[in-house]
Protein backbone atom coordinates (compact mmCIF):
# COMPACT_ATOMS: atom_id res chain seq x y z
CA MET A 1 107.81 98.41 118.48
CA THR A 2 108.94 99.14 114.87
CA THR A 3 106.68 100.83 112.37
CA GLN A 4 106.60 97.70 110.13
CA LYS A 5 105.39 95.57 113.01
CA GLN A 6 102.76 98.06 113.92
CA LYS A 7 101.50 98.06 110.34
CA VAL A 8 101.30 94.24 110.27
CA ILE A 9 99.41 94.26 113.62
CA HIS A 10 96.92 96.80 112.37
CA PHE A 11 96.54 94.85 109.14
CA LEU A 12 95.98 91.44 110.81
CA LYS A 13 93.57 92.93 113.27
CA SER A 14 91.45 94.13 110.38
CA PHE A 15 90.50 90.45 109.89
CA GLU A 16 88.60 90.95 113.17
CA THR A 17 87.46 94.59 112.87
CA LYS A 18 86.64 94.49 109.11
CA GLU A 19 88.31 97.92 108.93
CA LEU A 20 89.18 98.29 105.28
CA THR A 21 91.34 101.29 105.85
CA ALA A 22 94.04 98.74 106.82
CA LEU A 23 94.31 97.97 103.13
CA GLU A 24 96.27 101.23 102.85
CA MET A 25 99.17 99.17 104.25
CA LEU A 26 99.31 97.25 100.99
CA HIS A 27 101.20 98.62 97.95
CA PRO A 28 98.43 99.61 95.37
CA SER A 29 100.22 98.17 92.36
CA LYS A 30 102.95 95.78 93.62
CA PHE A 31 101.14 93.68 96.11
CA VAL A 32 101.53 89.91 95.57
CA GLN A 33 99.29 87.41 97.26
CA HIS A 34 100.71 83.83 97.93
CA ASN A 35 97.67 82.53 99.87
CA ALA A 36 95.82 80.25 97.47
CA ASP A 37 92.42 81.07 99.06
CA ILE A 38 92.71 84.84 98.29
CA GLU A 39 92.32 86.54 95.00
CA SER A 40 95.07 88.77 93.58
CA GLY A 41 95.77 92.34 94.50
CA VAL A 42 94.40 94.74 97.08
CA GLU A 43 90.82 94.09 95.93
CA GLY A 44 91.25 90.36 96.42
CA MET A 45 92.35 90.96 100.07
CA ALA A 46 89.35 93.40 100.57
CA LYS A 47 87.01 90.69 99.25
CA PHE A 48 88.56 88.12 101.65
CA ILE A 49 88.18 90.41 104.69
CA ARG A 50 84.58 91.28 103.85
CA ALA A 51 83.78 87.53 103.61
CA LEU A 52 85.26 86.62 107.05
CA ASP A 53 82.89 85.49 109.79
CA ALA A 54 81.52 88.43 111.71
CA GLU A 55 82.75 86.91 115.05
CA THR A 56 86.31 86.31 113.86
CA ASN A 57 88.81 86.89 116.68
CA ILE A 58 92.55 87.48 115.99
CA ASP A 59 95.11 86.90 118.71
CA ILE A 60 98.66 87.75 117.61
CA LYS A 61 100.78 85.69 119.87
CA ARG A 62 104.22 86.53 118.51
CA ILE A 63 105.61 89.00 115.95
CA PHE A 64 109.12 89.30 114.60
CA GLU A 65 111.04 91.42 112.10
CA ASP A 66 113.95 90.53 109.79
CA GLY A 67 114.91 93.33 107.51
CA ASP A 68 112.12 93.89 105.02
CA TYR A 69 110.20 90.95 106.42
CA VAL A 70 107.69 90.70 109.34
CA PHE A 71 106.31 87.42 110.46
CA ALA A 72 103.59 86.69 113.00
CA HIS A 73 102.21 83.56 114.84
CA VAL A 74 98.43 83.95 115.09
CA GLU A 75 95.42 82.28 116.65
CA SER A 76 92.23 82.92 114.70
CA LYS A 77 88.87 81.90 116.17
CA ALA A 78 85.55 81.89 114.29
CA VAL A 79 83.52 78.79 113.35
CA LYS A 80 86.81 76.89 113.71
CA CYS A 81 90.01 77.83 115.52
CA VAL A 82 93.08 77.87 113.29
CA ILE A 83 96.76 78.46 113.98
CA SER A 84 98.57 80.51 111.26
CA PHE A 85 101.97 81.86 110.42
CA HIS A 86 101.79 85.08 108.35
CA VAL A 87 104.76 86.51 106.53
CA PHE A 88 104.84 90.00 105.02
CA LYS A 89 107.46 91.68 102.89
CA PHE A 90 107.83 95.49 102.79
CA SER A 91 109.02 97.85 100.09
CA GLU A 92 108.54 101.60 99.89
CA GLU A 93 106.98 101.40 103.39
CA LYS A 94 104.13 99.24 102.04
CA ILE A 95 103.42 95.53 102.16
CA VAL A 96 104.26 94.04 98.75
CA GLU A 97 103.98 90.29 99.47
CA HIS A 98 102.00 88.04 101.79
CA TRP A 99 102.44 84.35 102.62
CA ALA A 100 100.45 82.25 105.09
CA ASN A 101 100.40 78.73 106.40
CA VAL A 102 97.17 77.62 108.19
CA GLN A 103 96.34 74.55 110.19
CA GLU A 104 93.19 73.71 112.24
CA ASN A 105 93.95 73.81 115.90
CA GLN A 106 94.59 70.52 117.52
CA PRO A 107 94.12 69.15 121.06
CA LEU A 108 97.01 69.55 123.67
CA ASN A 109 99.97 67.26 122.99
CA LEU A 110 101.23 64.50 125.36
CA SER A 111 103.14 67.17 127.37
CA GLY A 112 100.08 69.40 127.76
CA ARG A 113 101.25 72.02 125.28
CA SER A 114 99.07 73.84 122.75
CA MET A 115 100.07 74.74 119.24
CA ILE A 116 100.34 78.44 120.20
CA ASP A 117 101.21 78.91 123.88
CA GLY A 118 104.80 79.35 125.25
CA GLU A 119 107.53 82.00 125.31
CA THR A 120 107.21 85.24 123.46
CA THR A 121 110.08 87.38 124.66
CA ILE A 122 112.77 88.32 122.06
CA HIS A 123 116.35 88.64 123.12
CA ASP A 124 119.92 87.92 121.85
CA GLN A 125 119.45 90.19 118.85
CA GLU A 126 123.24 89.91 118.18
CA LYS A 127 122.80 86.14 117.74
CA THR A 128 120.17 86.33 114.91
CA MET A 129 122.39 85.19 112.09
CA GLN A 130 123.95 82.40 114.25
CA ASN A 131 120.61 81.10 115.22
CA LYS A 132 119.25 81.22 111.64
CA GLN A 133 122.26 79.16 110.44
CA LEU A 134 121.68 76.58 113.22
CA ALA A 135 118.02 76.28 112.40
CA GLU A 136 118.66 75.85 108.73
CA GLN A 137 121.29 73.24 109.33
CA LEU A 138 119.02 71.30 111.71
CA VAL A 139 116.24 71.15 109.13
CA LYS A 140 118.72 70.07 106.44
CA ASP A 141 120.26 67.29 108.66
CA VAL A 142 117.16 65.99 110.40
CA PHE A 143 114.01 66.82 108.35
CA CYS A 144 115.54 66.74 104.86
CA GLU A 145 118.10 63.97 105.24
CA GLY A 146 116.42 61.97 108.07
CA ARG A 147 119.58 62.08 110.24
CA ALA A 148 117.98 61.28 113.65
CA ASP A 149 121.56 60.70 115.04
CA LYS A 150 122.16 64.50 114.71
CA LEU A 151 119.32 65.46 117.04
CA SER A 152 121.30 65.67 120.25
CA SER A 153 123.69 68.24 118.83
CA TYR A 154 120.82 70.70 118.28
CA PHE A 155 118.46 70.21 121.25
CA ASP A 156 118.81 70.79 124.96
CA GLY A 157 117.03 67.61 126.05
CA GLU A 158 116.73 68.75 129.64
CA SER A 159 114.65 71.81 129.02
CA TYR A 160 113.17 71.37 125.51
CA ILE A 161 109.53 72.40 124.98
CA GLN A 162 107.55 70.94 122.12
CA HIS A 163 104.26 72.37 120.75
CA ASN A 164 103.73 69.95 117.89
CA PRO A 165 100.38 68.32 118.74
CA TRP A 166 101.63 64.78 118.02
CA LEU A 167 104.97 64.90 119.88
CA SER A 168 106.04 65.56 123.45
CA ASP A 169 108.82 67.40 125.27
CA ASP A 170 110.98 64.28 125.15
CA VAL A 171 113.35 64.65 122.25
CA PHE A 172 113.19 60.93 121.82
CA SER A 173 109.70 61.41 120.37
CA ILE A 174 111.23 63.40 117.51
CA ARG A 175 113.95 60.70 117.03
CA LYS A 176 111.22 57.98 116.72
CA VAL A 177 109.26 59.97 114.15
CA ILE A 178 112.34 60.64 112.04
CA THR A 179 113.39 56.99 112.27
CA ASP A 180 109.86 55.86 111.31
CA TRP A 181 109.96 58.25 108.25
CA VAL A 182 113.12 56.65 107.00
CA LYS A 183 111.84 53.06 107.63
CA THR A 184 108.61 53.85 105.64
CA ASP A 185 110.50 55.40 102.76
CA GLN A 186 110.02 58.96 103.99
CA THR A 187 106.19 59.22 104.21
CA MET A 188 106.91 62.77 105.36
CA LYS A 189 109.91 64.57 103.86
CA TYR A 190 111.21 68.06 103.68
CA GLU A 191 112.75 68.79 100.31
CA ILE A 192 113.29 72.55 99.82
CA ILE A 193 113.95 75.35 102.33
CA HIS A 194 112.44 78.48 100.82
CA LYS A 195 113.04 81.11 103.51
CA VAL A 196 114.85 81.40 106.82
CA LEU A 197 113.67 84.44 108.89
CA GLY A 198 114.76 85.39 112.39
CA GLU A 199 114.93 87.91 115.14
CA GLY A 200 117.19 87.27 118.03
CA ASN A 201 116.40 83.91 119.65
CA PHE A 202 113.47 83.09 117.29
CA VAL A 203 113.80 81.62 113.79
CA LEU A 204 111.07 80.68 111.23
CA LEU A 205 111.79 78.28 108.34
CA MET A 206 109.35 77.98 105.39
CA SER A 207 109.88 74.68 103.73
CA GLU A 208 108.30 72.48 101.10
CA GLY A 209 108.07 68.75 100.79
CA HIS A 210 105.60 65.84 100.82
CA PHE A 211 103.33 64.24 103.36
CA PHE A 212 102.01 60.84 102.26
CA ASN A 213 102.67 61.81 98.61
CA LYS A 214 100.90 65.23 98.87
CA GLN A 215 102.89 68.33 98.20
CA THR A 216 103.03 70.11 101.54
CA SER A 217 104.21 73.42 103.05
CA PHE A 218 105.92 73.14 106.40
CA TYR A 219 106.53 76.12 108.66
CA ASP A 220 108.73 75.65 111.73
CA LEU A 221 109.42 78.18 114.47
CA PHE A 222 112.33 77.61 116.80
CA ARG A 223 113.40 79.39 120.08
CA PHE A 224 117.08 79.21 120.89
CA GLU A 225 118.79 79.36 124.30
CA ARG A 226 122.59 79.23 124.61
CA GLY A 227 123.01 77.84 121.18
CA LYS A 228 120.48 74.98 121.47
CA ILE A 229 116.78 74.69 120.42
CA ALA A 230 114.68 75.25 123.54
CA GLU A 231 111.21 75.40 122.03
CA HIS A 232 109.46 74.47 118.76
CA TRP A 233 106.19 75.30 117.14
CA ASP A 234 105.06 74.25 113.62
CA ASN A 235 102.10 73.75 111.27
CA PHE A 236 101.75 72.24 107.87
CA GLU A 237 99.33 72.70 104.95
CA SER A 238 98.72 70.87 101.69
CA ILE A 239 99.77 72.99 98.72
CA THR A 240 96.87 73.84 96.45
CA PRO A 241 97.57 72.90 92.79
CA GLN A 242 98.01 75.94 90.52
CA SER A 243 94.84 75.12 88.55
CA GLU A 244 92.82 75.44 91.79
CA ARG A 245 94.31 78.62 93.19
CA LYS A 246 92.41 81.89 93.41
CA ASN A 247 95.61 83.82 92.18
CA ASN A 248 98.40 83.18 89.76
CA HIS A 249 101.15 83.19 92.35
CA SER A 250 103.03 80.25 93.85
CA LYS A 251 102.76 79.07 97.55
CA PHE A 252 106.33 80.35 98.11
């Protein structure tokens, strides 16, 4: 495991252990916080960790690296159980930026899948760029433009695994949702893709759009097999207005 991944694991586990020495992973003067619920700088993160429930449990299900970025798929259990994506950027061997998207855990979907279970093994490192391009084009075609007719070109319908709590393994369920979006004048719409990060057969997209007229952040994680999407996880979170944020930085 790379040094950057080890640092992120240590840092995320500090949410559970309350070990403030993990703050040494953050750059003392350059650290930028994009999570609206956390105050700026290293001290803001220290204050957040101190305030966490004493019984907080952190389970890092998946962790990936793309150049200066490390991103993790995490289950956090305290009073509530939440599913999060955390993204970190490194510079000078320190974490200089942190993004997160958090959603309360939901019941199993129609195919019996949870928001967090599934495959974790990384392979096909040489296909990282190809898979990133495919994932980005899918989101542009289907989620931004509402082109449900394009779905079959991206998904392997025979072996597809869906973790969205309101969908099923049947690709037709996605087609119906996209079609309904268009019919109802895009009640849910992706508008901007901010980041595309990947390692091998896994790709994460960080996107912005609207859900029932509320500005929303969408994170989608795809697993590829033989050039097709074989598995999908996601979460979404309403974007806090700048006037209500605990720091001066944007969501993205």
